Protein backbone atom coordinates (compact mmCIF):
# COMPACT_ATOMS: atom_id res chain seq x y z
CA MET A 1 -44.99 -40.75 -14.50
CA ALA A 2 -43.58 -37.81 -12.55
CA LYS A 3 -41.67 -35.12 -14.36
CA LYS A 4 -37.95 -35.06 -13.53
CA GLU A 5 -36.83 -31.87 -11.87
CA PHE A 6 -33.82 -30.16 -13.41
CA ILE A 7 -31.72 -27.76 -11.35
CA LYS A 8 -29.97 -24.87 -13.07
CA ILE A 9 -27.48 -22.94 -10.93
CA THR A 10 -27.66 -19.18 -11.42
CA PRO A 11 -26.10 -16.45 -9.25
CA GLU A 12 -29.53 -15.63 -7.82
CA SER A 13 -30.43 -19.24 -7.04
CA LEU A 14 -27.01 -19.88 -5.49
CA ASN A 15 -27.29 -16.84 -3.21
CA MET A 16 -30.85 -17.75 -2.19
CA THR A 17 -29.87 -21.35 -1.44
CA MET A 18 -26.97 -20.22 0.75
CA VAL A 19 -29.24 -17.87 2.72
CA LEU A 20 -31.79 -20.63 3.31
CA ASN A 21 -29.14 -23.19 4.23
CA TYR A 22 -27.39 -20.78 6.58
CA ALA A 23 -30.62 -20.35 8.53
CA CYS A 24 -30.58 -24.13 9.17
CA ILE A 25 -27.13 -24.20 10.80
CA THR A 26 -27.44 -21.32 13.23
CA GLU A 27 -28.16 -23.70 16.07
CA MET A 28 -25.28 -24.10 18.48
CA ASN A 29 -23.38 -26.87 16.72
CA GLY A 30 -24.76 -27.34 13.24
CA PHE A 31 -21.48 -28.84 12.02
CA TYR A 32 -21.15 -31.65 14.57
CA SER A 33 -20.62 -35.04 12.91
CA SER A 34 -20.72 -33.51 9.42
CA GLU A 35 -18.66 -33.92 6.28
CA VAL A 36 -17.63 -30.48 4.97
CA PHE A 37 -16.19 -29.81 1.52
CA PHE A 38 -14.21 -26.65 0.66
CA THR A 39 -14.08 -25.40 -2.93
CA ASP A 40 -11.04 -23.78 -4.51
CA GLY A 41 -10.44 -20.05 -4.18
CA PHE A 42 -10.00 -19.43 -0.46
CA LYS A 43 -7.50 -16.58 -0.02
CA GLY A 44 -6.34 -17.59 3.45
CA ASP A 45 -4.74 -20.66 4.95
CA THR A 46 -7.68 -23.08 5.15
CA SER A 47 -5.86 -25.31 7.63
CA TYR A 48 -7.07 -22.91 10.36
CA LEU A 49 -10.69 -23.38 9.26
CA PHE A 50 -10.13 -27.14 8.99
CA GLN A 51 -8.89 -27.15 12.60
CA ALA A 52 -11.77 -24.95 13.80
CA LEU A 53 -14.38 -27.22 12.21
CA GLY A 54 -12.51 -30.31 13.38
CA ASN A 55 -12.70 -29.00 16.94
CA LEU A 56 -16.49 -28.75 16.45
CA GLY A 57 -16.67 -32.39 15.38
CA SER A 58 -16.54 -32.08 11.58
CA TYR A 59 -14.43 -33.79 8.97
CA VAL A 60 -13.26 -31.32 6.33
CA ARG A 61 -11.72 -31.92 2.92
CA GLU A 62 -10.89 -30.16 -0.34
CA LYS A 63 -10.82 -33.23 -2.57
CA ASP A 64 -13.15 -36.16 -3.23
CA PHE A 65 -16.47 -34.39 -3.69
CA GLY A 66 -18.52 -37.43 -2.68
CA SER A 67 -22.18 -37.99 -1.98
CA ASP A 68 -21.49 -38.15 1.78
CA ILE A 69 -20.92 -34.37 1.96
CA ASN A 70 -23.25 -32.55 4.37
CA PHE A 71 -21.96 -29.02 3.77
CA CYS A 72 -20.24 -27.45 0.78
CA CYS A 73 -18.41 -24.22 1.65
CA LEU A 74 -18.01 -22.01 -1.42
CA SER A 75 -15.13 -19.54 -1.43
CA ASN A 76 -15.89 -15.84 -1.60
CA ALA A 77 -13.82 -15.65 -4.80
CA LEU A 78 -15.89 -18.36 -6.52
CA ILE A 79 -19.13 -16.57 -5.59
CA SER A 80 -17.81 -13.15 -6.58
CA ASP A 81 -16.57 -14.44 -9.94
CA PHE A 82 -19.90 -16.16 -10.59
CA ASN A 83 -21.82 -12.98 -9.77
CA SER A 84 -19.53 -11.16 -12.23
CA GLY A 85 -20.24 -13.64 -15.01
CA THR A 86 -17.37 -16.14 -14.68
CA ARG A 87 -18.67 -19.62 -13.96
CA SER A 88 -16.35 -22.01 -12.14
CA VAL A 89 -15.92 -25.58 -13.38
CA PHE A 90 -16.95 -26.67 -9.88
CA LEU A 91 -20.42 -25.17 -10.39
CA ASP A 92 -20.87 -27.40 -13.43
CA VAL A 93 -19.84 -30.41 -11.32
CA LEU A 94 -22.29 -29.33 -8.61
CA GLU A 95 -25.12 -28.83 -11.08
CA ASN A 96 -24.50 -32.27 -12.61
CA ALA A 97 -24.46 -33.82 -9.13
CA PHE A 98 -27.80 -32.19 -8.28
CA ASN A 99 -29.35 -33.48 -11.50
CA GLN A 100 -28.49 -37.15 -11.06
CA ASN A 101 -31.43 -39.52 -10.59
CA ASN A 102 -32.31 -39.74 -6.89
CA SER A 103 -29.35 -37.50 -6.14
CA PRO A 104 -28.05 -37.65 -2.56
CA TYR A 105 -26.40 -34.27 -3.23
CA ARG A 106 -29.76 -32.52 -2.93
CA LYS A 107 -29.55 -32.97 0.87
CA MET A 108 -26.23 -31.11 0.99
CA LYS A 109 -26.23 -27.56 2.36
CA LEU A 110 -24.33 -24.78 0.58
CA ILE A 111 -22.73 -21.98 2.58
CA SER A 112 -20.26 -19.26 1.72
CA GLU A 113 -16.84 -18.64 3.23
CA GLU A 114 -18.20 -15.40 4.68
CA GLU A 115 -21.15 -17.17 6.35
CA LEU A 116 -18.83 -19.84 7.77
CA ILE A 117 -16.57 -17.20 9.33
CA TRP A 118 -19.59 -15.38 10.75
CA TYR A 119 -20.95 -18.61 12.24
CA LEU A 120 -17.58 -19.52 13.79
CA GLU A 121 -17.13 -16.03 15.25
CA ASN A 122 -20.59 -16.10 16.82
CA ARG A 123 -20.04 -19.56 18.22
CA ALA A 124 -16.67 -18.53 19.66
CA SER A 125 -18.14 -15.45 21.36
CA THR A 126 -21.20 -17.33 22.66
CA THR A 127 -19.20 -20.19 24.13
CA GLU A 128 -16.19 -18.03 25.05
CA ASP A 129 -13.97 -20.44 23.12
CA ASP A 130 -10.56 -18.72 23.01
CA GLN A 131 -8.98 -21.42 20.85
CA LEU A 132 -11.70 -20.98 18.20
CA LYS A 133 -11.23 -17.20 18.35
CA GLN A 134 -7.48 -17.63 17.78
CA LEU A 135 -8.02 -19.95 14.80
CA ILE A 136 -10.40 -17.45 13.18
CA LEU A 137 -7.96 -14.61 13.81
CA LYS A 138 -5.11 -16.63 12.28
CA TYR A 139 -7.23 -17.37 9.21
CA LYS A 140 -8.15 -13.70 8.78
CA ASN A 141 -4.50 -12.67 9.18
CA SER A 142 -3.42 -15.26 6.61
CA LYS A 143 -5.84 -13.65 4.12
CA LYS A 144 -4.10 -10.31 4.61
CA GLN A 145 -0.62 -11.65 4.04
CA THR A 146 0.56 -11.37 0.49
CA VAL A 147 3.28 -13.47 -1.00
CA GLN A 148 6.37 -11.35 -1.46
CA PRO A 149 8.30 -11.96 -4.66
CA GLN A 150 11.69 -13.47 -4.08
CA LEU A 151 14.66 -11.45 -5.25
CA PHE A 152 17.55 -13.38 -6.72
């Protein structure tokens, strides 16, 4: 009988997996007809990224982490916190999903918010897609905006 593989997510393994998975999507439209899941922790308005990926033929969501997910986009904050020693509850969910018997989650690709932005920027410049460029710019600007406290 074959020995069951057990996956343990560490900061090093997570970073290595994202690098390897990113290499697989650098073709022109790696997100076409894909289900993309966004974790918590994005600092900007993710609706711009949702629209950008939707324009490339993807379906994006932040809830219902199902087995039909093709890509899981991890926020920079989640990765940074994990590298600093704070493990997100989502990483426990992900690890449990990977360790299910015959897990369909093992086919899912993990990428970071930073890698997603880089991919979208390169695609926009290669295809001269002004709408995609505007969506990326709006997302980046939304990250810079801070919520001002209301004075009563």
